[in-house]
All heavy atoms as atom14 arrays in JSON, in Angstrom:
{
  "sequence": "ETGFAMMNSDYDNSKVLVSKFVAKALEARVAVYFGDWNRAVSASEA",
  "atom14_mask": [
    [1, 1, 1, 1, 1, 1, 1, 1, 1, 0, 0, 0, 0, 0],
    [1, 1, 1, 1, 1, 1, 1, 0, 0, 0, 0, 0, 0, 0],
    [1, 1, 1, 1, 0, 0, 0, 0, 0, 0, 0, 0, 0, 0],
    [1, 1, 1, 1, 1, 1, 1, 1, 1, 1, 1, 0, 0, 0],
    [1, 1, 1, 1, 1, 0, 0, 0, 0, 0, 0, 0, 0, 0],
    [1, 1, 1, 1, 1, 1, 1, 1, 0, 0, 0, 0, 0, 0],
    [1, 1, 1, 1, 1, 1, 1, 1, 0, 0, 0, 0, 0, 0],
    [1, 1, 1, 1, 1, 1, 1, 1, 0, 0, 0, 0, 0, 0],
    [1, 1, 1, 1, 1, 1, 0, 0, 0, 0, 0, 0, 0, 0],
    [1, 1, 1, 1, 1, 1, 1, 1, 0, 0, 0, 0, 0, 0],
    [1, 1, 1, 1, 1, 1, 1, 1, 1, 1, 1, 1, 0, 0],
    [1, 1, 1, 1, 1, 1, 1, 1, 0, 0, 0, 0, 0, 0],
    [1, 1, 1, 1, 1, 1, 1, 1, 0, 0, 0, 0, 0, 0],
    [1, 1, 1, 1, 1, 1, 0, 0, 0, 0, 0, 0, 0, 0],
    [1, 1, 1, 1, 1, 1, 1, 1, 1, 0, 0, 0, 0, 0],
    [1, 1, 1, 1, 1, 1, 1, 0, 0, 0, 0, 0, 0, 0],
    [1, 1, 1, 1, 1, 1, 1, 1, 0, 0, 0, 0, 0, 0],
    [1, 1, 1, 1, 1, 1, 1, 0, 0, 0, 0, 0, 0, 0],
    [1, 1, 1, 1, 1, 1, 0, 0, 0, 0, 0, 0, 0, 0],
    [1, 1, 1, 1, 1, 1, 1, 1, 1, 0, 0, 0, 0, 0],
    [1, 1, 1, 1, 1, 1, 1, 1, 1, 1, 1, 0, 0, 0],
    [1, 1, 1, 1, 1, 1, 1, 0, 0, 0, 0, 0, 0, 0],
    [1, 1, 1, 1, 1, 0, 0, 0, 0, 0, 0, 0, 0, 0],
    [1, 1, 1, 1, 1, 1, 1, 1, 1, 0, 0, 0, 0, 0],
    [1, 1, 1, 1, 1, 0, 0, 0, 0, 0, 0, 0, 0, 0],
    [1, 1, 1, 1, 1, 1, 1, 1, 0, 0, 0, 0, 0, 0],
    [1, 1, 1, 1, 1, 1, 1, 1, 1, 0, 0, 0, 0, 0],
    [1, 1, 1, 1, 1, 0, 0, 0, 0, 0, 0, 0, 0, 0],
    [1, 1, 1, 1, 1, 1, 1, 1, 1, 1, 1, 0, 0, 0],
    [1, 1, 1, 1, 1, 1, 1, 0, 0, 0, 0, 0, 0, 0],
    [1, 1, 1, 1, 1, 0, 0, 0, 0, 0, 0, 0, 0, 0],
    [1, 1, 1, 1, 1, 1, 1, 0, 0, 0, 0, 0, 0, 0],
    [1, 1, 1, 1, 1, 1, 1, 1, 1, 1, 1, 1, 0, 0],
    [1, 1, 1, 1, 1, 1, 1, 1, 1, 1, 1, 0, 0, 0],
    [1, 1, 1, 1, 0, 0, 0, 0, 0, 0, 0, 0, 0, 0],
    [1, 1, 1, 1, 1, 1, 1, 1, 0, 0, 0, 0, 0, 0],
    [1, 1, 1, 1, 1, 1, 1, 1, 1, 1, 1, 1, 1, 1],
    [1, 1, 1, 1, 1, 1, 1, 1, 0, 0, 0, 0, 0, 0],
    [1, 1, 1, 1, 1, 1, 1, 1, 1, 1, 1, 0, 0, 0],
    [1, 1, 1, 1, 1, 0, 0, 0, 0, 0, 0, 0, 0, 0],
    [1, 1, 1, 1, 1, 1, 1, 0, 0, 0, 0, 0, 0, 0],
    [1, 1, 1, 1, 1, 1, 0, 0, 0, 0, 0, 0, 0, 0],
    [1, 1, 1, 1, 1, 0, 0, 0, 0, 0, 0, 0, 0, 0],
    [1, 1, 1, 1, 1, 1, 0, 0, 0, 0, 0, 0, 0, 0],
    [1, 1, 1, 1, 1, 1, 1, 1, 1, 0, 0, 0, 0, 0],
    [1, 1, 1, 1, 1, 0, 0, 0, 0, 0, 0, 0, 0, 0]
  ],
  "atom14_positions": [
    [[6.72, 2.44, 2.72], [7.26, 3.25, 1.63], [8.42, 2.52, 0.95], [8.51, 2.49, -0.29], [7.73, 4.6, 2.17], [6.59, 5.5, 2.65], [7.08, 6.71, 3.42], [8.32, 6.83, 3.6], [6.25, 7.53, 3.86], [0.0, 0.0, 0.0], [0.0, 0.0, 0.0], [0.0, 0.0, 0.0], [0.0, 0.0, 0.0], [0.0, 0.0, 0.0]],
    [[9.28, 1.92, 1.75], [10.43, 1.19, 1.2], [9.97, -0.02, 0.41], [10.45, -0.27, -0.7], [11.37, 0.75, 2.35], [11.82, 1.91, 3.06], [12.56, -0.01, 1.81], [0.0, 0.0, 0.0], [0.0, 0.0, 0.0], [0.0, 0.0, 0.0], [0.0, 0.0, 0.0], [0.0, 0.0, 0.0], [0.0, 0.0, 0.0], [0.0, 0.0, 0.0]],
    [[9.06, -0.8, 0.99], [8.58, -2.01, 0.32], [7.89, -1.69, -1.0], [8.1, -2.39, -2.0], [0.0, 0.0, 0.0], [0.0, 0.0, 0.0], [0.0, 0.0, 0.0], [0.0, 0.0, 0.0], [0.0, 0.0, 0.0], [0.0, 0.0, 0.0], [0.0, 0.0, 0.0], [0.0, 0.0, 0.0], [0.0, 0.0, 0.0], [0.0, 0.0, 0.0]],
    [[7.09, -0.65, -1.01], [6.4, -0.26, -2.24], [7.4, 0.1, -3.33], [7.24, -0.3, -4.49], [5.47, 0.93, -1.96], [4.69, 1.39, -3.16], [3.56, 0.7, -3.58], [5.08, 2.52, -3.87], [2.84, 1.13, -4.69], [4.37, 2.95, -4.98], [3.24, 2.25, -5.39], [0.0, 0.0, 0.0], [0.0, 0.0, 0.0], [0.0, 0.0, 0.0]],
    [[8.43, 0.85, -2.97], [9.43, 1.27, -3.96], [10.23, 0.08, -4.49], [10.67, 0.09, -5.65], [10.37, 2.3, -3.33], [0.0, 0.0, 0.0], [0.0, 0.0, 0.0], [0.0, 0.0, 0.0], [0.0, 0.0, 0.0], [0.0, 0.0, 0.0], [0.0, 0.0, 0.0], [0.0, 0.0, 0.0], [0.0, 0.0, 0.0], [0.0, 0.0, 0.0]],
    [[10.42, -0.93, -3.69], [11.23, -2.08, -4.08], [10.49, -3.06, -4.98], [11.11, -3.77, -5.77], [11.73, -2.83, -2.85], [12.7, -2.05, -1.99], [13.19, -2.98, -0.51], [14.27, -4.21, -1.24], [0.0, 0.0, 0.0], [0.0, 0.0, 0.0], [0.0, 0.0, 0.0], [0.0, 0.0, 0.0], [0.0, 0.0, 0.0], [0.0, 0.0, 0.0]],
    [[9.16, -3.07, -4.87], [8.4, -4.09, -5.6], [8.11, -3.67, -7.03], [7.95, -2.49, -7.34], [7.09, -4.4, -4.87], [7.3, -5.3, -3.66], [5.75, -5.91, -2.96], [5.22, -4.45, -2.07], [0.0, 0.0, 0.0], [0.0, 0.0, 0.0], [0.0, 0.0, 0.0], [0.0, 0.0, 0.0], [0.0, 0.0, 0.0], [0.0, 0.0, 0.0]],
    [[8.02, -4.67, -7.89], [7.74, -4.48, -9.31], [6.47, -5.25, -9.64], [6.41, -6.48, -9.48], [8.91, -5.01, -10.14], [8.74, -4.77, -11.63], [7.63, -4.62, -12.13], [9.85, -4.75, -12.36], [0.0, 0.0, 0.0], [0.0, 0.0, 0.0], [0.0, 0.0, 0.0], [0.0, 0.0, 0.0], [0.0, 0.0, 0.0], [0.0, 0.0, 0.0]],
    [[5.45, -4.55, -10.1], [4.15, -5.19, -10.37], [4.24, -6.31, -11.4], [3.37, -7.17, -11.47], [3.14, -4.14, -10.84], [2.84, -3.23, -9.81], [0.0, 0.0, 0.0], [0.0, 0.0, 0.0], [0.0, 0.0, 0.0], [0.0, 0.0, 0.0], [0.0, 0.0, 0.0], [0.0, 0.0, 0.0], [0.0, 0.0, 0.0], [0.0, 0.0, 0.0]],
    [[5.3, -6.3, -12.2], [5.46, -7.37, -13.19], [5.6, -8.74, -12.53], [5.34, -9.77, -13.15], [6.68, -7.12, -14.07], [6.5, -5.93, -15.01], [5.33, -5.51, -15.21], [7.51, -5.42, -15.52], [0.0, 0.0, 0.0], [0.0, 0.0, 0.0], [0.0, 0.0, 0.0], [0.0, 0.0, 0.0], [0.0, 0.0, 0.0], [0.0, 0.0, 0.0]],
    [[6.01, -8.75, -11.27], [6.16, -10.02, -10.55], [4.92, -10.39, -9.74], [4.9, -11.42, -9.08], [7.37, -9.95, -9.61], [8.69, -9.89, -10.34], [9.43, -8.7, -10.38], [9.21, -11.01, -10.97], [10.65, -8.64, -11.03], [10.44, -10.96, -11.64], [11.15, -9.77, -11.66], [12.35, -9.72, -12.32], [0.0, 0.0, 0.0], [0.0, 0.0, 0.0]],
    [[3.91, -9.54, -9.76], [2.68, -9.81, -9.02], [1.79, -10.73, -9.83], [1.12, -10.29, -10.78], [1.94, -8.51, -8.71], [2.66, -7.65, -7.68], [3.43, -8.21, -6.89], [2.45, -6.42, -7.67], [0.0, 0.0, 0.0], [0.0, 0.0, 0.0], [0.0, 0.0, 0.0], [0.0, 0.0, 0.0], [0.0, 0.0, 0.0], [0.0, 0.0, 0.0]],
    [[1.77, -12.0, -9.48], [0.96, -12.95, -10.23], [0.06, -13.8, -9.36], [-0.48, -14.81, -9.79], [1.85, -13.87, -11.08], [2.91, -14.57, -10.25], [2.82, -14.62, -9.03], [3.92, -15.09, -10.92], [0.0, 0.0, 0.0], [0.0, 0.0, 0.0], [0.0, 0.0, 0.0], [0.0, 0.0, 0.0], [0.0, 0.0, 0.0], [0.0, 0.0, 0.0]],
    [[-0.1, -13.38, -8.09], [-0.94, -14.16, -7.19], [-1.48, -13.26, -6.09], [-0.74, -12.43, -5.54], [-0.14, -15.31, -6.57], [-0.9, -15.96, -5.57], [0.0, 0.0, 0.0], [0.0, 0.0, 0.0], [0.0, 0.0, 0.0], [0.0, 0.0, 0.0], [0.0, 0.0, 0.0], [0.0, 0.0, 0.0], [0.0, 0.0, 0.0], [0.0, 0.0, 0.0]],
    [[-2.74, -13.44, -5.74], [-3.33, -12.67, -4.65], [-3.08, -13.3, -3.29], [-3.46, -12.73, -2.27], [-4.82, -12.48, -4.9], [-5.1, -11.58, -6.1], [-6.56, -11.18, -6.2], [-6.76, -10.2, -7.35], [-8.14, -9.66, -7.42], [0.0, 0.0, 0.0], [0.0, 0.0, 0.0], [0.0, 0.0, 0.0], [0.0, 0.0, 0.0], [0.0, 0.0, 0.0]],
    [[-2.44, -14.47, -3.27], [-2.11, -15.1, -2.0], [-0.67, -14.81, -1.59], [-0.17, -15.37, -0.63], [-2.38, -16.62, -2.02], [-3.86, -16.9, -2.25], [-1.52, -17.33, -3.05], [0.0, 0.0, 0.0], [0.0, 0.0, 0.0], [0.0, 0.0, 0.0], [0.0, 0.0, 0.0], [0.0, 0.0, 0.0], [0.0, 0.0, 0.0], [0.0, 0.0, 0.0]],
    [[-0.01, -13.93, -2.33], [1.28, -13.38, -1.94], [1.18, -11.86, -1.95], [0.43, -11.29, -2.76], [2.38, -13.82, -2.91], [2.71, -15.31, -2.96], [3.72, -15.58, -4.07], [3.25, -15.81, -1.62], [0.0, 0.0, 0.0], [0.0, 0.0, 0.0], [0.0, 0.0, 0.0], [0.0, 0.0, 0.0], [0.0, 0.0, 0.0], [0.0, 0.0, 0.0]],
    [[1.89, -11.23, -1.05], [1.86, -9.76, -0.99], [2.25, -9.17, -2.33], [3.24, -9.57, -2.94], [2.82, -9.26, 0.11], [3.02, -7.75, 0.0], [2.27, -9.58, 1.48], [0.0, 0.0, 0.0], [0.0, 0.0, 0.0], [0.0, 0.0, 0.0], [0.0, 0.0, 0.0], [0.0, 0.0, 0.0], [0.0, 0.0, 0.0], [0.0, 0.0, 0.0]],
    [[1.45, -8.24, -2.82], [1.73, -7.55, -4.08], [2.01, -6.08, -3.81], [1.85, -5.59, -2.68], [0.55, -7.71, -5.05], [-0.64, -7.19, -4.47], [0.0, 0.0, 0.0], [0.0, 0.0, 0.0], [0.0, 0.0, 0.0], [0.0, 0.0, 0.0], [0.0, 0.0, 0.0], [0.0, 0.0, 0.0], [0.0, 0.0, 0.0], [0.0, 0.0, 0.0]],
    [[2.4, -5.37, -4.85], [2.87, -3.99, -4.69], [1.84, -3.1, -4.0], [2.19, -2.34, -3.09], [3.24, -3.43, -6.06], [3.89, -2.04, -6.02], [4.36, -1.61, -7.4], [5.01, -0.23, -7.39], [6.32, -0.2, -6.72], [0.0, 0.0, 0.0], [0.0, 0.0, 0.0], [0.0, 0.0, 0.0], [0.0, 0.0, 0.0], [0.0, 0.0, 0.0]],
    [[0.58, -3.21, -4.41], [-0.4, -2.26, -3.88], [-0.97, -2.67, -2.54], [-1.75, -1.91, -1.94], [-1.49, -2.0, -4.93], [-0.99, -1.11, -6.04], [-0.55, -1.65, -7.23], [-0.89, 0.26, -5.86], [-0.05, -0.85, -8.24], [-0.39, 1.08, -6.87], [0.03, 0.53, -8.06], [0.0, 0.0, 0.0], [0.0, 0.0, 0.0], [0.0, 0.0, 0.0]],
    [[-0.57, -3.84, -2.03], [-0.88, -4.17, -0.64], [-0.19, -3.17, 0.28], [-0.72, -2.78, 1.33], [-0.44, -5.61, -0.31], [-0.61, -5.89, 1.19], [-1.26, -6.62, -1.11], [0.0, 0.0, 0.0], [0.0, 0.0, 0.0], [0.0, 0.0, 0.0], [0.0, 0.0, 0.0], [0.0, 0.0, 0.0], [0.0, 0.0, 0.0], [0.0, 0.0, 0.0]],
    [[0.99, -2.72, -0.12], [1.71, -1.73, 0.68], [0.88, -0.47, 0.87], [0.8, 0.1, 1.97], [3.06, -1.39, 0.02], [0.0, 0.0, 0.0], [0.0, 0.0, 0.0], [0.0, 0.0, 0.0], [0.0, 0.0, 0.0], [0.0, 0.0, 0.0], [0.0, 0.0, 0.0], [0.0, 0.0, 0.0], [0.0, 0.0, 0.0], [0.0, 0.0, 0.0]],
    [[0.24, 0.0, -0.2], [-0.57, 1.22, -0.11], [-1.9, 0.95, 0.61], [-2.4, 1.81, 1.33], [-0.81, 1.79, -1.5], [0.44, 2.39, -2.14], [0.99, 3.54, -1.3], [2.25, 4.13, -1.89], [2.81, 5.21, -1.03], [0.0, 0.0, 0.0], [0.0, 0.0, 0.0], [0.0, 0.0, 0.0], [0.0, 0.0, 0.0], [0.0, 0.0, 0.0]],
    [[-2.47, -0.23, 0.41], [-3.71, -0.57, 1.12], [-3.46, -0.62, 2.62], [-4.28, -0.14, 3.42], [-4.25, -1.89, 0.6], [0.0, 0.0, 0.0], [0.0, 0.0, 0.0], [0.0, 0.0, 0.0], [0.0, 0.0, 0.0], [0.0, 0.0, 0.0], [0.0, 0.0, 0.0], [0.0, 0.0, 0.0], [0.0, 0.0, 0.0], [0.0, 0.0, 0.0]],
    [[-2.32, -1.2, 3.02], [-1.99, -1.24, 4.44], [-1.66, 0.15, 4.96], [-2.05, 0.52, 6.08], [-0.81, -2.19, 4.67], [-0.26, -2.27, 6.1], [-1.36, -2.6, 7.11], [0.87, -3.3, 6.17], [0.0, 0.0, 0.0], [0.0, 0.0, 0.0], [0.0, 0.0, 0.0], [0.0, 0.0, 0.0], [0.0, 0.0, 0.0], [0.0, 0.0, 0.0]],
    [[-0.98, 0.95, 4.17], [-0.68, 2.32, 4.59], [-1.97, 3.1, 4.84], [-2.07, 3.85, 5.83], [0.16, 3.02, 3.53], [0.6, 4.42, 3.93], [1.46, 5.11, 2.88], [1.94, 4.41, 1.95], [1.66, 6.33, 2.98], [0.0, 0.0, 0.0], [0.0, 0.0, 0.0], [0.0, 0.0, 0.0], [0.0, 0.0, 0.0], [0.0, 0.0, 0.0]],
    [[-2.96, 2.93, 3.98], [-4.25, 3.6, 4.19], [-4.91, 3.12, 5.48], [-5.48, 3.91, 6.24], [-5.16, 3.35, 2.99], [0.0, 0.0, 0.0], [0.0, 0.0, 0.0], [0.0, 0.0, 0.0], [0.0, 0.0, 0.0], [0.0, 0.0, 0.0], [0.0, 0.0, 0.0], [0.0, 0.0, 0.0], [0.0, 0.0, 0.0], [0.0, 0.0, 0.0]],
    [[-4.84, 1.81, 5.73], [-5.43, 1.25, 6.96], [-4.76, 1.82, 8.2], [-5.44, 2.22, 9.16], [-5.32, -0.27, 6.94], [-5.9, -0.94, 8.17], [-5.69, -2.46, 8.16], [-6.43, -3.11, 7.09], [-6.42, -4.42, 6.86], [-5.66, -5.22, 7.61], [-7.13, -4.94, 5.88], [0.0, 0.0, 0.0], [0.0, 0.0, 0.0], [0.0, 0.0, 0.0]],
    [[-3.44, 1.83, 8.2], [-2.69, 2.36, 9.34], [-2.98, 3.85, 9.53], [-3.19, 4.33, 10.66], [-1.18, 2.13, 9.15], [-0.38, 2.79, 10.28], [-0.87, 0.64, 9.09], [0.0, 0.0, 0.0], [0.0, 0.0, 0.0], [0.0, 0.0, 0.0], [0.0, 0.0, 0.0], [0.0, 0.0, 0.0], [0.0, 0.0, 0.0], [0.0, 0.0, 0.0]],
    [[-3.04, 4.58, 8.44], [-3.27, 6.02, 8.52], [-4.66, 6.34, 9.07], [-4.82, 7.28, 9.86], [-3.1, 6.66, 7.13], [0.0, 0.0, 0.0], [0.0, 0.0, 0.0], [0.0, 0.0, 0.0], [0.0, 0.0, 0.0], [0.0, 0.0, 0.0], [0.0, 0.0, 0.0], [0.0, 0.0, 0.0], [0.0, 0.0, 0.0], [0.0, 0.0, 0.0]],
    [[-5.66, 5.57, 8.69], [-7.0, 5.76, 9.25], [-7.01, 5.43, 10.73], [-7.61, 6.14, 11.55], [-8.03, 4.9, 8.48], [-9.35, 4.81, 9.23], [-8.27, 5.48, 7.09], [0.0, 0.0, 0.0], [0.0, 0.0, 0.0], [0.0, 0.0, 0.0], [0.0, 0.0, 0.0], [0.0, 0.0, 0.0], [0.0, 0.0, 0.0], [0.0, 0.0, 0.0]],
    [[-6.33, 4.36, 11.11], [-6.26, 3.95, 12.52], [-5.7, 5.07, 13.38], [-6.19, 5.35, 14.48], [-5.4, 2.69, 12.62], [-5.24, 2.13, 14.01], [-6.18, 1.24, 14.54], [-4.12, 2.43, 14.79], [-6.02, 0.7, 15.8], [-3.96, 1.89, 16.06], [-4.91, 1.02, 16.56], [-4.75, 0.49, 17.82], [0.0, 0.0, 0.0], [0.0, 0.0, 0.0]],
    [[-4.67, 5.76, 12.88], [-4.01, 6.81, 13.66], [-4.52, 8.21, 13.33], [-4.06, 9.19, 13.91], [-2.5, 6.75, 13.44], [-1.83, 5.64, 14.18], [-1.31, 4.54, 13.51], [-1.72, 5.69, 15.57], [-0.68, 3.51, 14.2], [-1.1, 4.66, 16.27], [-0.58, 3.57, 15.58], [0.0, 0.0, 0.0], [0.0, 0.0, 0.0], [0.0, 0.0, 0.0]],
    [[-5.45, 8.34, 12.39], [-5.97, 9.65, 12.04], [-5.02, 10.5, 11.23], [-5.09, 11.74, 11.28], [0.0, 0.0, 0.0], [0.0, 0.0, 0.0], [0.0, 0.0, 0.0], [0.0, 0.0, 0.0], [0.0, 0.0, 0.0], [0.0, 0.0, 0.0], [0.0, 0.0, 0.0], [0.0, 0.0, 0.0], [0.0, 0.0, 0.0], [0.0, 0.0, 0.0]],
    [[-4.14, 9.87, 10.45], [-3.25, 10.59, 9.55], [-3.95, 10.72, 8.2], [-3.68, 9.98, 7.24], [-1.92, 9.85, 9.41], [-1.16, 9.75, 10.72], [-1.3, 10.69, 11.54], [-0.44, 8.76, 10.93], [0.0, 0.0, 0.0], [0.0, 0.0, 0.0], [0.0, 0.0, 0.0], [0.0, 0.0, 0.0], [0.0, 0.0, 0.0], [0.0, 0.0, 0.0]],
    [[-4.86, 11.67, 8.11], [-5.86, 11.67, 7.04], [-5.29, 11.98, 5.67], [-5.71, 11.37, 4.68], [-6.99, 12.63, 7.41], [-7.64, 12.26, 8.7], [-7.63, 12.96, 9.87], [-8.38, 11.06, 8.97], [-8.31, 12.28, 10.85], [-8.79, 11.12, 10.32], [-8.74, 9.95, 8.21], [-9.54, 10.11, 10.92], [-9.49, 8.94, 8.8], [-9.88, 9.02, 10.14]],
    [[-4.36, 12.9, 5.57], [-3.77, 13.2, 4.25], [-3.02, 12.0, 3.7], [-3.07, 11.71, 2.5], [-2.85, 14.42, 4.35], [-3.62, 15.71, 4.52], [-4.7, 15.89, 3.96], [-3.1, 16.63, 5.32], [0.0, 0.0, 0.0], [0.0, 0.0, 0.0], [0.0, 0.0, 0.0], [0.0, 0.0, 0.0], [0.0, 0.0, 0.0], [0.0, 0.0, 0.0]],
    [[-2.33, 11.3, 4.57], [-1.63, 10.09, 4.16], [-2.63, 9.03, 3.72], [-2.41, 8.32, 2.73], [-0.76, 9.56, 5.3], [0.05, 8.33, 4.92], [0.84, 7.81, 6.1], [2.03, 8.58, 6.4], [3.23, 8.32, 5.88], [3.39, 7.33, 5.02], [4.27, 9.07, 6.21], [0.0, 0.0, 0.0], [0.0, 0.0, 0.0], [0.0, 0.0, 0.0]],
    [[-3.74, 8.93, 4.42], [-4.77, 7.95, 4.05], [-5.36, 8.27, 2.68], [-5.64, 7.35, 1.89], [-5.88, 7.93, 5.11], [0.0, 0.0, 0.0], [0.0, 0.0, 0.0], [0.0, 0.0, 0.0], [0.0, 0.0, 0.0], [0.0, 0.0, 0.0], [0.0, 0.0, 0.0], [0.0, 0.0, 0.0], [0.0, 0.0, 0.0], [0.0, 0.0, 0.0]],
    [[-5.53, 9.54, 2.38], [-6.04, 9.94, 1.05], [-5.08, 9.53, -0.04], [-5.45, 8.88, -1.03], [-6.3, 11.46, 1.0], [-6.54, 11.91, -0.44], [-7.5, 11.84, 1.86], [0.0, 0.0, 0.0], [0.0, 0.0, 0.0], [0.0, 0.0, 0.0], [0.0, 0.0, 0.0], [0.0, 0.0, 0.0], [0.0, 0.0, 0.0], [0.0, 0.0, 0.0]],
    [[-3.82, 9.88, 0.1], [-2.84, 9.61, -0.96], [-2.61, 8.11, -1.14], [-2.5, 7.63, -2.28], [-1.53, 10.33, -0.68], [-0.95, 9.89, 0.54], [0.0, 0.0, 0.0], [0.0, 0.0, 0.0], [0.0, 0.0, 0.0], [0.0, 0.0, 0.0], [0.0, 0.0, 0.0], [0.0, 0.0, 0.0], [0.0, 0.0, 0.0], [0.0, 0.0, 0.0]],
    [[-2.57, 7.36, -0.05], [-2.37, 5.92, -0.15], [-3.57, 5.25, -0.82], [-3.41, 4.36, -1.67], [-2.12, 5.31, 1.22], [0.0, 0.0, 0.0], [0.0, 0.0, 0.0], [0.0, 0.0, 0.0], [0.0, 0.0, 0.0], [0.0, 0.0, 0.0], [0.0, 0.0, 0.0], [0.0, 0.0, 0.0], [0.0, 0.0, 0.0], [0.0, 0.0, 0.0]],
    [[-4.76, 5.68, -0.46], [-5.97, 5.12, -1.07], [-6.01, 5.42, -2.57], [-6.36, 4.55, -3.38], [-7.22, 5.69, -0.39], [-7.27, 5.35, 0.98], [0.0, 0.0, 0.0], [0.0, 0.0, 0.0], [0.0, 0.0, 0.0], [0.0, 0.0, 0.0], [0.0, 0.0, 0.0], [0.0, 0.0, 0.0], [0.0, 0.0, 0.0], [0.0, 0.0, 0.0]],
    [[-5.68, 6.64, -2.92], [-5.72, 7.02, -4.34], [-4.71, 6.23, -5.17], [-4.97, 5.92, -6.34], [-5.48, 8.53, -4.48], [-6.67, 9.35, -3.98], [-6.44, 10.85, -4.04], [-5.26, 11.27, -4.21], [-7.42, 11.61, -3.91], [0.0, 0.0, 0.0], [0.0, 0.0, 0.0], [0.0, 0.0, 0.0], [0.0, 0.0, 0.0], [0.0, 0.0, 0.0]],
    [[-3.59, 5.86, -4.58], [-2.61, 5.05, -5.31], [-3.21, 3.7, -5.68], [-3.01, 3.21, -6.8], [-1.35, 4.86, -4.46], [0.0, 0.0, 0.0], [0.0, 0.0, 0.0], [0.0, 0.0, 0.0], [0.0, 0.0, 0.0], [0.0, 0.0, 0.0], [0.0, 0.0, 0.0], [0.0, 0.0, 0.0], [0.0, 0.0, 0.0], [0.0, 0.0, 0.0]]
  ]
}
């Protein structure tokens, strides 16, 4: 949550460096792993 809020997509110019929406993609992965389904929905939709 902190990392996502700190990042600015204007600086995302490479897929070989972490970008803003990697934070949400990882959040969805973690949420599915632990069965936090509402969090997985919202992170995926972002």
